[in-house]
C-alpha atoms as a PDB file:
ATOM      1  CA  MET A   1     -71.018  59.894  68.639  1.00  0.00           C
ATOM      2  CA  GLN A   2     -72.217  62.221  65.905  1.00  0.00           C
ATOM      3  CA  THR A   3     -71.554  65.951  65.583  1.00  0.00           C
ATOM      4  CA  PHE A   4     -73.688  68.959  64.728  1.00  0.00           C
ATOM      5  CA  THR A   5     -72.740  72.583  64.090  1.00  0.00           C
ATOM      6  CA  HIS A   6     -74.940  75.659  64.277  1.00  0.00           C
ATOM      7  CA  ASP A   7     -73.841  79.287  64.170  1.00  0.00           C
ATOM      8  CA  GLY A   8     -70.230  78.370  64.935  1.00  0.00           C
ATOM      9  CA  LEU A   9     -71.032  76.019  67.835  1.00  0.00           C
ATOM     10  CA  THR A  10     -70.208  72.325  67.449  1.00  0.00           C
ATOM     11  CA  ILE A  11     -71.590  69.627  69.715  1.00  0.00           C
ATOM     12  CA  ALA A  12     -71.352  65.852  69.915  1.00  0.00           C
ATOM     13  CA  TYR A  13     -74.439  63.775  70.627  1.00  0.00           C
ATOM     14  CA  ARG A  14     -75.670  60.215  70.963  1.00  0.00           C
ATOM     15  CA  ASP A  15     -78.671  59.199  68.864  1.00  0.00           C
ATOM     16  CA  GLU A  16     -80.194  55.791  69.565  1.00  0.00           C
ATOM     17  CA  GLY A  17     -83.474  53.916  69.250  1.00  0.00           C
ATOM     18  CA  ALA A  18     -86.659  54.751  67.386  1.00  0.00           C
ATOM     19  CA  GLY A  19     -90.031  56.199  68.279  1.00  0.00           C
ATOM     20  CA  PRO A  20     -91.145  59.427  70.009  1.00  0.00           C
ATOM     21  CA  ALA A  21     -88.036  61.482  70.743  1.00  0.00           C
ATOM     22  CA  ILE A  22     -86.496  62.394  74.088  1.00  0.00           C
ATOM     23  CA  VAL A  23     -83.598  64.870  74.232  1.00  0.00           C
ATOM     24  CA  PHE A  24     -81.282  64.789  77.275  1.00  0.00           C
ATOM     25  CA  LEU A  25     -79.158  67.727  78.440  1.00  0.00           C
ATOM     26  CA  HIS A  26     -76.586  67.317  81.223  1.00  0.00           C
ATOM     27  CA  ASN A  27     -75.325  69.568  84.006  1.00  0.00           C
ATOM     28  CA  GLY A  28     -72.125  71.576  84.012  1.00  0.00           C
ATOM     29  CA  GLY A  29     -69.207  69.413  85.049  1.00  0.00           C
ATOM     30  CA  THR A  30     -70.273  66.136  83.442  1.00  0.00           C
ATOM     31  CA  SER A  31     -71.413  65.011  80.005  1.00  0.00           C
ATOM     32  CA  SER A  32     -74.088  62.924  78.322  1.00  0.00           C
ATOM     33  CA  THR A  33     -72.713  59.904  80.212  1.00  0.00           C
ATOM     34  CA  ILE A  34     -74.943  60.788  83.194  1.00  0.00           C
ATOM     35  CA  TRP A  35     -77.958  59.609  81.176  1.00  0.00           C
ATOM     36  CA  ARG A  36     -76.540  56.172  80.269  1.00  0.00           C
ATOM     37  CA  GLU A  37     -79.046  54.250  82.428  1.00  0.00           C
ATOM     38  CA  GLN A  38     -81.996  56.126  80.923  1.00  0.00           C
ATOM     39  CA  LEU A  39     -80.660  55.717  77.374  1.00  0.00           C
ATOM     40  CA  ALA A  40     -80.270  51.970  77.805  1.00  0.00           C
ATOM     41  CA  HIS A  41     -83.840  51.576  79.040  1.00  0.00           C
ATOM     42  CA  LEU A  42     -85.757  54.144  77.013  1.00  0.00           C
ATOM     43  CA  SER A  43     -84.024  53.478  73.666  1.00  0.00           C
ATOM     44  CA  GLU A  44     -86.064  50.272  73.494  1.00  0.00           C
ATOM     45  CA  THR A  45     -89.254  52.294  72.948  1.00  0.00           C
ATOM     46  CA  HIS A  46     -88.079  55.815  72.058  1.00  0.00           C
ATOM     47  CA  ARG A  47     -85.545  57.691  70.009  1.00  0.00           C
ATOM     48  CA  VAL A  48     -83.132  59.106  72.572  1.00  0.00           C
ATOM     49  CA  VAL A  49     -80.700  61.931  71.857  1.00  0.00           C
ATOM     50  CA  ALA A  50     -78.156  62.847  74.546  1.00  0.00           C
ATOM     51  CA  VAL A  51     -76.075  65.960  73.932  1.00  0.00           C
ATOM     52  CA  ASP A  52     -72.612  66.953  75.124  1.00  0.00           C
ATOM     53  CA  LEU A  53     -73.062  70.700  75.620  1.00  0.00           C
ATOM     54  CA  PRO A  54     -70.343  73.053  74.290  1.00  0.00           C
ATOM     55  CA  GLY A  55     -67.052  72.497  76.104  1.00  0.00           C
ATOM     56  CA  PHE A  56     -68.195  69.321  77.865  1.00  0.00           C
ATOM     57  CA  GLY A  57     -67.722  65.655  77.025  1.00  0.00           C
ATOM     58  CA  ALA A  58     -66.755  65.230  73.383  1.00  0.00           C
ATOM     59  CA  SER A  59     -67.824  68.756  72.386  1.00  0.00           C
ATOM     60  CA  PRO A  60     -65.090  71.353  71.818  1.00  0.00           C
ATOM     61  CA  LEU A  61     -64.830  74.477  73.932  1.00  0.00           C
ATOM     62  CA  PRO A  62     -66.215  77.411  71.936  1.00  0.00           C
ATOM     63  CA  GLU A  63     -64.119  80.505  71.392  1.00  0.00           C
ATOM     64  CA  PRO A  64     -65.277  83.066  72.280  1.00  0.00           C
ATOM     65  CA  ALA A  65     -67.384  81.772  75.145  1.00  0.00           C
ATOM     66  CA  THR A  66     -70.952  80.855  74.324  1.00  0.00           C
ATOM     67  CA  THR A  67     -74.072  82.030  76.140  1.00  0.00           C
ATOM     68  CA  LEU A  68     -77.232  80.480  77.504  1.00  0.00           C
ATOM     69  CA  ASP A  69     -79.300  82.004  74.703  1.00  0.00           C
ATOM     70  CA  ALA A  70     -76.932  80.610  72.076  1.00  0.00           C
ATOM     71  CA  MET A  71     -77.200  77.114  73.565  1.00  0.00           C
ATOM     72  CA  VAL A  72     -80.996  77.313  73.521  1.00  0.00           C
ATOM     73  CA  GLU A  73     -80.935  78.096  69.806  1.00  0.00           C
ATOM     74  CA  LEU A  74     -78.291  75.415  69.226  1.00  0.00           C
ATOM     75  CA  ILE A  75     -80.513  72.675  70.697  1.00  0.00           C
ATOM     76  CA  ALA A  76     -83.558  74.024  68.867  1.00  0.00           C
ATOM     77  CA  SER A  77     -81.609  73.845  65.612  1.00  0.00           C
ATOM     78  CA  LEU A  78     -80.467  70.283  66.376  1.00  0.00           C
ATOM     79  CA  ILE A  79     -84.056  69.171  66.954  1.00  0.00           C
ATOM     80  CA  GLY A  80     -85.079  70.778  63.675  1.00  0.00           C
ATOM     81  CA  ASP A  81     -82.149  69.302  61.759  1.00  0.00           C
ATOM     82  CA  LEU A  82     -82.901  65.791  63.022  1.00  0.00           C
ATOM     83  CA  GLY A  83     -86.602  66.245  62.282  1.00  0.00           C
ATOM     84  CA  ILE A  84     -87.612  64.778  65.636  1.00  0.00           C
ATOM     85  CA  GLY A  85     -89.832  67.496  67.090  1.00  0.00           C
ATOM     86  CA  PRO A  86     -91.836  67.884  69.132  1.00  0.00           C
ATOM     87  CA  VAL A  87     -89.672  66.183  71.774  1.00  0.00           C
ATOM     88  CA  THR A  88     -89.691  65.527  75.494  1.00  0.00           C
ATOM     89  CA  LEU A  89     -86.814  67.483  77.029  1.00  0.00           C
ATOM     90  CA  VAL A  90     -85.008  66.129  80.093  1.00  0.00           C
ATOM     91  CA  GLY A  91     -82.357  68.311  81.656  1.00  0.00           C
ATOM     92  CA  ASN A  92     -80.176  68.384  84.752  1.00  0.00           C
ATOM     93  CA  CYS A  93     -78.971  71.665  86.294  1.00  0.00           C
ATOM     94  CA  MET A  94     -77.931  73.931  83.390  1.00  0.00           C
ATOM     95  CA  GLY A  95     -79.614  71.433  81.060  1.00  0.00           C
ATOM     96  CA  SER A  96     -82.904  72.098  82.854  1.00  0.00           C
ATOM     97  CA  ASN A  97     -82.601  75.836  82.373  1.00  0.00           C
ATOM     98  CA  ILE A  98     -81.842  75.364  78.674  1.00  0.00           C
ATOM     99  CA  SER A  99     -84.832  73.021  78.365  1.00  0.00           C
ATOM    100  CA  VAL A 100     -87.292  75.420  79.987  1.00  0.00           C
ATOM    101  CA  ARG A 101     -86.081  78.384  77.968  1.00  0.00           C
ATOM    102  CA  LEU A 102     -86.290  76.343  74.768  1.00  0.00           C
ATOM    103  CA  ALA A 103     -89.885  75.371  75.613  1.00  0.00           C
ATOM    104  CA  ARG A 104     -90.669  79.046  76.149  1.00  0.00           C
ATOM    105  CA  ALA A 105     -88.989  80.196  72.921  1.00  0.00           C
ATOM    106  CA  HIS A 106     -90.032  77.270  70.691  1.00  0.00           C
ATOM    107  CA  PRO A 107     -93.135  75.593  72.170  1.00  0.00           C
ATOM    108  CA  ASP A 108     -93.794  73.890  68.828  1.00  0.00           C
ATOM    109  CA  LEU A 109     -90.624  71.833  69.307  1.00  0.00           C
ATOM    110  CA  VAL A 110     -91.385  70.594  72.834  1.00  0.00           C
ATOM    111  CA  THR A 111     -94.019  68.213  74.182  1.00  0.00           C
ATOM    112  CA  ALA A 112     -93.000  68.390  77.861  1.00  0.00           C
ATOM    113  CA  VAL A 113     -90.021  69.148  80.116  1.00  0.00           C
ATOM    114  CA  LEU A 114     -88.569  67.289  83.092  1.00  0.00           C
ATOM    115  CA  ALA A 115     -86.310  69.781  84.887  1.00  0.00           C
ATOM    116  CA  VAL A 116     -84.027  67.892  87.277  1.00  0.00           C
ATOM    117  CA  ASN A 117     -82.211  70.108  89.797  1.00  0.00           C
ATOM    118  CA  PRO A 118     -82.900  73.287  87.806  1.00  0.00           C
ATOM    119  CA  LEU A 119     -80.048  75.784  87.811  1.00  0.00           C
ATOM    120  CA  THR A 120     -81.010  79.398  88.459  1.00  0.00           C
ATOM    121  CA  ALA A 121     -79.123  82.236  90.110  1.00  0.00           C
ATOM    122  CA  ALA A 122     -81.195  81.636  93.265  1.00  0.00           C
ATOM    123  CA  SER A 123     -80.735  77.857  93.409  1.00  0.00           C
ATOM    124  CA  PHE A 124     -76.996  78.121  92.771  1.00  0.00           C
ATOM    125  CA  GLY A 125     -76.472  81.110  95.035  1.00  0.00           C
ATOM    126  CA  GLY A 126     -78.105  79.206  97.902  1.00  0.00           C
ATOM    127  CA  GLY A 127     -75.945  76.110  97.429  1.00  0.00           C
ATOM    128  CA  ASP A 128     -72.698  75.307  99.176  1.00  0.00           C
ATOM    129  CA  ILE A 129     -70.565  76.816  96.399  1.00  0.00           C
ATOM    130  CA  GLY A 130     -72.860  79.745  95.656  1.00  0.00           C
ATOM    131  CA  PHE A 131     -70.163  82.137  96.855  1.00  0.00           C
ATOM    132  CA  THR A 132     -68.403  81.608  93.515  1.00  0.00           C
ATOM    133  CA  HIS A 133     -71.265  83.536  91.907  1.00  0.00           C
ATOM    134  CA  ARG A 134     -71.790  86.087  94.679  1.00  0.00           C
ATOM    135  CA  MET A 135     -68.120  87.100  94.738  1.00  0.00           C
ATOM    136  CA  LYS A 136     -68.497  88.490  91.211  1.00  0.00           C
ATOM    137  CA  HIS A 137     -70.815  91.183  92.570  1.00  0.00           C
ATOM    138  CA  VAL A 138     -68.784  92.115  95.652  1.00  0.00           C
ATOM    139  CA  ALA A 139     -65.244  91.819  94.268  1.00  0.00           C
ATOM    140  CA  ALA A 140     -65.430  92.051  90.487  1.00  0.00           C
ATOM    141  CA  GLY A 141     -61.707  92.690  89.884  1.00  0.00           C
ATOM    142  CA  PRO A 142     -60.286  89.850  91.992  1.00  0.00           C
ATOM    143  CA  THR A 143     -62.969  87.527  90.621  1.00  0.00           C
ATOM    144  CA  ARG A 144     -61.878  88.221  87.039  1.00  0.00           C
ATOM    145  CA  VAL A 145     -58.254  87.537  87.938  1.00  0.00           C
ATOM    146  CA  PHE A 146     -59.145  84.342  89.804  1.00  0.00           C
ATOM    147  CA  ARG A 147     -61.215  82.987  86.924  1.00  0.00           C
ATOM    148  CA  LYS A 148     -58.564  83.921  84.345  1.00  0.00           C
ATOM    149  CA  VAL A 149     -55.920  82.003  86.287  1.00  0.00           C
ATOM    150  CA  SER A 150     -58.284  79.063  86.912  1.00  0.00           C
ATOM    151  CA  ARG A 151     -58.829  78.611  83.171  1.00  0.00           C
ATOM    152  CA  ARG A 152     -55.158  77.704  82.757  1.00  0.00           C
ATOM    153  CA  LEU A 153     -54.789  75.340  85.701  1.00  0.00           C
ATOM    154  CA  PRO A 154     -55.429  71.608  85.212  1.00  0.00           C
ATOM    155  CA  VAL A 155     -57.581  69.884  87.806  1.00  0.00           C
ATOM    156  CA  PRO A 156     -55.207  67.908  90.076  1.00  0.00           C
ATOM    157  CA  LYS A 157     -55.761  64.166  90.059  1.00  0.00           C
ATOM    158  CA  PHE A 158     -56.365  64.017  93.801  1.00  0.00           C
ATOM    159  CA  ALA A 159     -59.315  66.447  93.483  1.00  0.00           C
ATOM    160  CA  GLY A 160     -61.397  64.390  91.039  1.00  0.00           C
ATOM    161  CA  SER A 161     -63.002  61.917  93.426  1.00  0.00           C
ATOM    162  CA  PRO A 162     -63.711  64.428  96.250  1.00  0.00           C
ATOM    163  CA  THR A 163     -65.274  66.826  93.728  1.00  0.00           C
ATOM    164  CA  LEU A 164     -67.608  64.099  92.527  1.00  0.00           C
ATOM    165  CA  ARG A 165     -68.419  62.965  96.057  1.00  0.00           C
ATOM    166  CA  PHE A 166     -69.495  66.514  96.924  1.00  0.00           C
ATOM    167  CA  GLN A 167     -72.150  66.252  94.216  1.00  0.00           C
ATOM    168  CA  LEU A 168     -73.587  62.965  95.479  1.00  0.00           C
ATOM    169  CA  GLY A 169     -76.148  62.020  98.070  1.00  0.00           C
ATOM    170  CA  PRO A 170     -75.889  58.902 100.261  1.00  0.00           C
ATOM    171  CA  LYS A 171     -77.170  56.650  97.469  1.00  0.00           C
ATOM    172  CA  GLY A 172     -74.522  57.837  95.027  1.00  0.00           C
ATOM    173  CA  VAL A 173     -71.728  57.498  97.564  1.00  0.00           C
ATOM    174  CA  ALA A 174     -72.902  53.985  98.462  1.00  0.00           C
ATOM    175  CA  LYS A 175     -72.693  53.072  94.763  1.00  0.00           C
ATOM    176  CA  GLY A 176     -69.156  54.441  94.549  1.00  0.00           C
ATOM    177  CA  LEU A 177     -70.021  56.910  91.792  1.00  0.00           C
ATOM    178  CA  HIS A 178     -67.231  59.223  92.946  1.00  0.00           C
ATOM    179  CA  HIS A 179     -64.849  56.559  91.577  1.00  0.00           C
ATOM    180  CA  ASP A 180     -66.722  56.110  88.284  1.00  0.00           C
ATOM    181  CA  PRO A 181     -64.170  56.209  85.394  1.00  0.00           C
ATOM    182  CA  GLU A 182     -66.432  58.080  82.965  1.00  0.00           C
ATOM    183  CA  LEU A 183     -67.380  60.734  85.506  1.00  0.00           C
ATOM    184  CA  LEU A 184     -63.760  61.147  86.566  1.00  0.00           C
ATOM    185  CA  ALA A 185     -62.730  61.560  82.934  1.00  0.00           C
ATOM    186  CA  CYS A 186     -65.076  64.552  82.728  1.00  0.00           C
ATOM    187  CA  GLN A 187     -63.283  66.164  85.676  1.00  0.00           C
ATOM    188  CA  PHE A 188     -59.864  65.979  84.042  1.00  0.00           C
ATOM    189  CA  ARG A 189     -60.692  67.278  80.555  1.00  0.00           C
ATOM    190  CA  SER A 190     -58.693  70.406  79.756  1.00  0.00           C
ATOM    191  CA  ASP A 191     -61.850  72.181  78.554  1.00  0.00           C
ATOM    192  CA  GLN A 192     -63.803  71.356  81.698  1.00  0.00           C
ATOM    193  CA  MET A 193     -62.817  74.271  83.937  1.00  0.00           C
ATOM    194  CA  PRO A 194     -63.056  76.943  81.207  1.00  0.00           C
ATOM    195  CA  ALA A 195     -66.514  75.654  80.232  1.00  0.00           C
ATOM    196  CA  LEU A 196     -67.671  75.771  83.860  1.00  0.00           C
ATOM    197  CA  LEU A 197     -66.317  79.281  84.286  1.00  0.00           C
ATOM    198  CA  ASP A 198     -68.178  80.367  81.142  1.00  0.00           C
ATOM    199  CA  VAL A 199     -71.406  79.182  82.803  1.00  0.00           C
ATOM    200  CA  LEU A 200     -70.524  81.135  85.952  1.00  0.00           C
ATOM    201  CA  ASP A 201     -69.859  84.252  83.895  1.00  0.00           C
ATOM    202  CA  ASP A 202     -73.338  83.895  82.357  1.00  0.00           C
ATOM    203  CA  MET A 203     -75.109  83.065  85.643  1.00  0.00           C
ATOM    204  CA  ASP A 204     -77.206  86.228  85.618  1.00  0.00           C
ATOM    205  CA  ALA A 205     -78.885  84.940  82.440  1.00  0.00           C
ATOM    206  CA  TYR A 206     -79.761  81.695  84.230  1.00  0.00           C
ATOM    207  CA  GLY A 207     -81.406  83.844  86.921  1.00  0.00           C
ATOM    208  CA  ASP A 208     -84.080  84.889  84.432  1.00  0.00           C
ATOM    209  CA  LEU A 209     -86.146  81.880  85.544  1.00  0.00           C
ATOM    210  CA  ASP A 210     -86.218  83.169  89.121  1.00  0.00           C
ATOM    211  CA  THR A 211     -88.531  86.018  88.191  1.00  0.00           C
ATOM    212  CA  ALA A 212     -89.985  85.525  84.710  1.00  0.00           C
ATOM    213  CA  ASP A 213     -93.279  83.680  84.480  1.00  0.00           C
ATOM    214  CA  VAL A 214     -93.128  80.961  81.857  1.00  0.00           C
ATOM    215  CA  PRO A 215     -96.376  80.408  79.934  1.00  0.00           C
ATOM    216  CA  ASP A 216     -97.985  77.045  80.648  1.00  0.00           C
ATOM    217  CA  THR A 217     -98.005  76.179  76.946  1.00  0.00           C
ATOM    218  CA  VAL A 218     -95.665  73.227  77.581  1.00  0.00           C
ATOM    219  CA  PRO A 219     -96.103  70.982  80.671  1.00  0.00           C
ATOM    220  CA  ILE A 220     -93.130  71.174  83.050  1.00  0.00           C
ATOM    221  CA  TRP A 221     -92.253  68.829  85.925  1.00  0.00           C
ATOM    222  CA  ILE A 222     -89.488  69.508  88.437  1.00  0.00           C
ATOM    223  CA  ALA A 223     -87.415  66.939  90.348  1.00  0.00           C
ATOM    224  CA  TRP A 224     -84.853  67.667  93.073  1.00  0.00           C
ATOM    225  CA  GLY A 225     -82.192  65.475  94.605  1.00  0.00           C
ATOM    226  CA  GLU A 226     -83.042  65.500  98.306  1.00  0.00           C
ATOM    227  CA  LYS A 227     -79.408  65.888  99.426  1.00  0.00           C
ATOM    228  CA  ASN A 228     -78.241  68.245  96.688  1.00  0.00           C
ATOM    229  CA  ARG A 229     -75.506  70.520  98.023  1.00  0.00           C
ATOM    230  CA  VAL A 230     -74.696  72.148  94.684  1.00  0.00           C
ATOM    231  CA  LEU A 231     -78.138  73.771  94.365  1.00  0.00           C
ATOM    232  CA  SER A 232     -80.692  74.845  96.977  1.00  0.00           C
ATOM    233  CA  ARG A 233     -84.291  73.867  96.322  1.00  0.00           C
ATOM    234  CA  ASP A 234     -85.350  76.015  99.291  1.00  0.00           C
ATOM    235  CA  LYS A 235     -83.917  79.159  97.699  1.00  0.00           C
ATOM    236  CA  ALA A 236     -85.720  78.256  94.463  1.00  0.00           C
ATOM    237  CA  SER A 237     -89.027  77.489  96.174  1.00  0.00           C
ATOM    238  CA  GLY A 238     -90.888  79.942  93.959  1.00  0.00           C
ATOM    239  CA  LEU A 239     -89.693  78.276  90.787  1.00  0.00           C
ATOM    240  CA  ALA A 240     -92.592  75.834  90.603  1.00  0.00           C
ATOM    241  CA  GLU A 241     -95.042  78.723  90.495  1.00  0.00           C
ATOM    242  CA  HIS A 242     -93.062  80.638  87.870  1.00  0.00           C
ATOM    243  CA  LEU A 243     -92.869  77.540  85.678  1.00  0.00           C
ATOM    244  CA  HIS A 244     -96.465  76.468  86.346  1.00  0.00           C
ATOM    245  CA  ALA A 245     -94.979  73.089  87.225  1.00  0.00           C
ATOM    246  CA  ALA A 246     -97.652  70.412  87.329  1.00  0.00           C
ATOM    247  CA  ARG A 247     -95.543  68.162  89.546  1.00  0.00           C
ATOM    248  CA  VAL A 248     -92.587  68.655  91.887  1.00  0.00           C
ATOM    249  CA  SER A 249     -90.763  65.559  93.165  1.00  0.00           C
ATOM    250  CA  THR A 250     -87.945  65.040  95.655  1.00  0.00           C
ATOM    251  CA  ILE A 251     -85.782  61.979  95.053  1.00  0.00           C
ATOM    252  CA  ALA A 252     -84.749  60.584  98.416  1.00  0.00           C
ATOM    253  CA  GLY A 253     -81.092  59.995  99.222  1.00  0.00           C
ATOM    254  CA  THR A 254     -79.753  61.562  96.036  1.00  0.00           C
ATOM    255  CA  GLY A 255     -77.741  64.658  95.302  1.00  0.00           C
ATOM    256  CA  HIS A 256     -76.896  66.419  92.061  1.00  0.00           C
ATOM    257  CA  LEU A 257     -76.834  63.254  89.909  1.00  0.00           C
ATOM    258  CA  PRO A 258     -80.048  61.364  90.740  1.00  0.00           C
ATOM    259  CA  MET A 259     -80.203  59.867  87.245  1.00  0.00           C
ATOM    260  CA  LEU A 260     -77.182  57.746  88.234  1.00  0.00           C
ATOM    261  CA  GLU A 261     -77.782  57.549  91.972  1.00  0.00           C
ATOM    262  CA  ASP A 262     -81.347  56.225  91.660  1.00  0.00           C
ATOM    263  CA  PRO A 263     -81.821  55.645  87.922  1.00  0.00           C
ATOM    264  CA  GLY A 264     -85.083  53.727  88.211  1.00  0.00           C
ATOM    265  CA  VAL A 265     -86.845  56.647  89.856  1.00  0.00           C
ATOM    266  CA  VAL A 266     -85.675  59.152  87.241  1.00  0.00           C
ATOM    267  CA  THR A 267     -86.530  56.812  84.369  1.00  0.00           C
ATOM    268  CA  GLY A 268     -89.959  56.277  85.931  1.00  0.00           C
ATOM    269  CA  LEU A 269     -90.526  60.039  86.126  1.00  0.00           C
ATOM    270  CA  ILE A 270     -89.678  60.396  82.445  1.00  0.00           C
ATOM    271  CA  GLU A 271     -92.076  57.607  81.517  1.00  0.00           C
ATOM    272  CA  ASP A 272     -94.814  59.097  83.708  1.00  0.00           C
ATOM    273  CA  LEU A 273     -94.314  62.525  82.131  1.00  0.00           C
ATOM    274  CA  ILE A 274     -94.547  61.077  78.630  1.00  0.00           C
ATOM    275  CA  ASP A 275     -97.656  59.068  79.506  1.00  0.00           C
ATOM    276  CA  ALA A 276     -99.319  62.094  81.110  1.00  0.00           C
ATOM    277  CA  ASN A 277     -98.771  64.184  77.980  1.00  0.00           C
ATOM    278  CA  ARG A 278     -99.191  61.576  75.292  1.00  0.00           C
ATOM    279  CA  THR A 279    -101.180  62.865  72.352  1.00  0.00           C
ATOM    280  CA  VAL A 280    -104.349  60.866  71.842  1.00  0.00           C
ATOM    281  CA  GLU A 281    -104.621  59.832  68.216  1.00  0.00           C
ATOM    282  CA  PRO A 282    -108.051  60.515  66.677  1.00  0.00           C
ATOM    283  CA  THR A 283    -110.155  57.528  65.736  1.00  0.00           C
ATOM    284  CA  PRO A 284    -110.200  57.067  61.904  1.00  0.00           C
END
């Protein structure tokens, strides 16, 4: 993997293939490994760049904690430094929110966005672990203490597989993804819990998409895992209107990681999005 630094933030990223560029951004709790099926297929016809966001995968945990806005500018700077814009952005969870905000802030850098399981305050708050965000507003003091202690505690080995299984739908469980070595390695990184808690602390910023209309300058598609328990698509039902999403898909039998649970469907959505927004070259 290669590294890139902007404004004090360092990230690792994979850069493969040649052709029109696609940039992949993962969810909190994993790394760029979730896109391995898409990278293998799409690198044959495209330049694919998959980022480990700050504190995840091979990227170091930033000190002090970074913010959503800083990560948007970090990815924008990476695209500019590589000279690959405009790109198709594909994100999962927090990666979707970053992608949409980047398209809003820098539409010249983005051709289209596929937002898989988009993380907002509403979608997270309505999920099965949404209480971890709500408790901040009803018990601020105890929440600060709990998160401070949690930063120092390693994830016990017995918790890795159940934590992954919680994120999966029936298709992912049937494939045994909760025993996947690369996904489990993400769970046990020492930076993993602090990085996740930094996202929780900045959750109100992610809630901006729940209310702010995003100009339709850049085409946006949304895809949800049908059995996602981490995020609630029902609580984020107004998101498609706010984002002027041209297409909203539900991927049957999948949870929070549909790109691994049903990779062909996700890869097909990416290809369809690119085809739908392909620039027609003028006739000489």
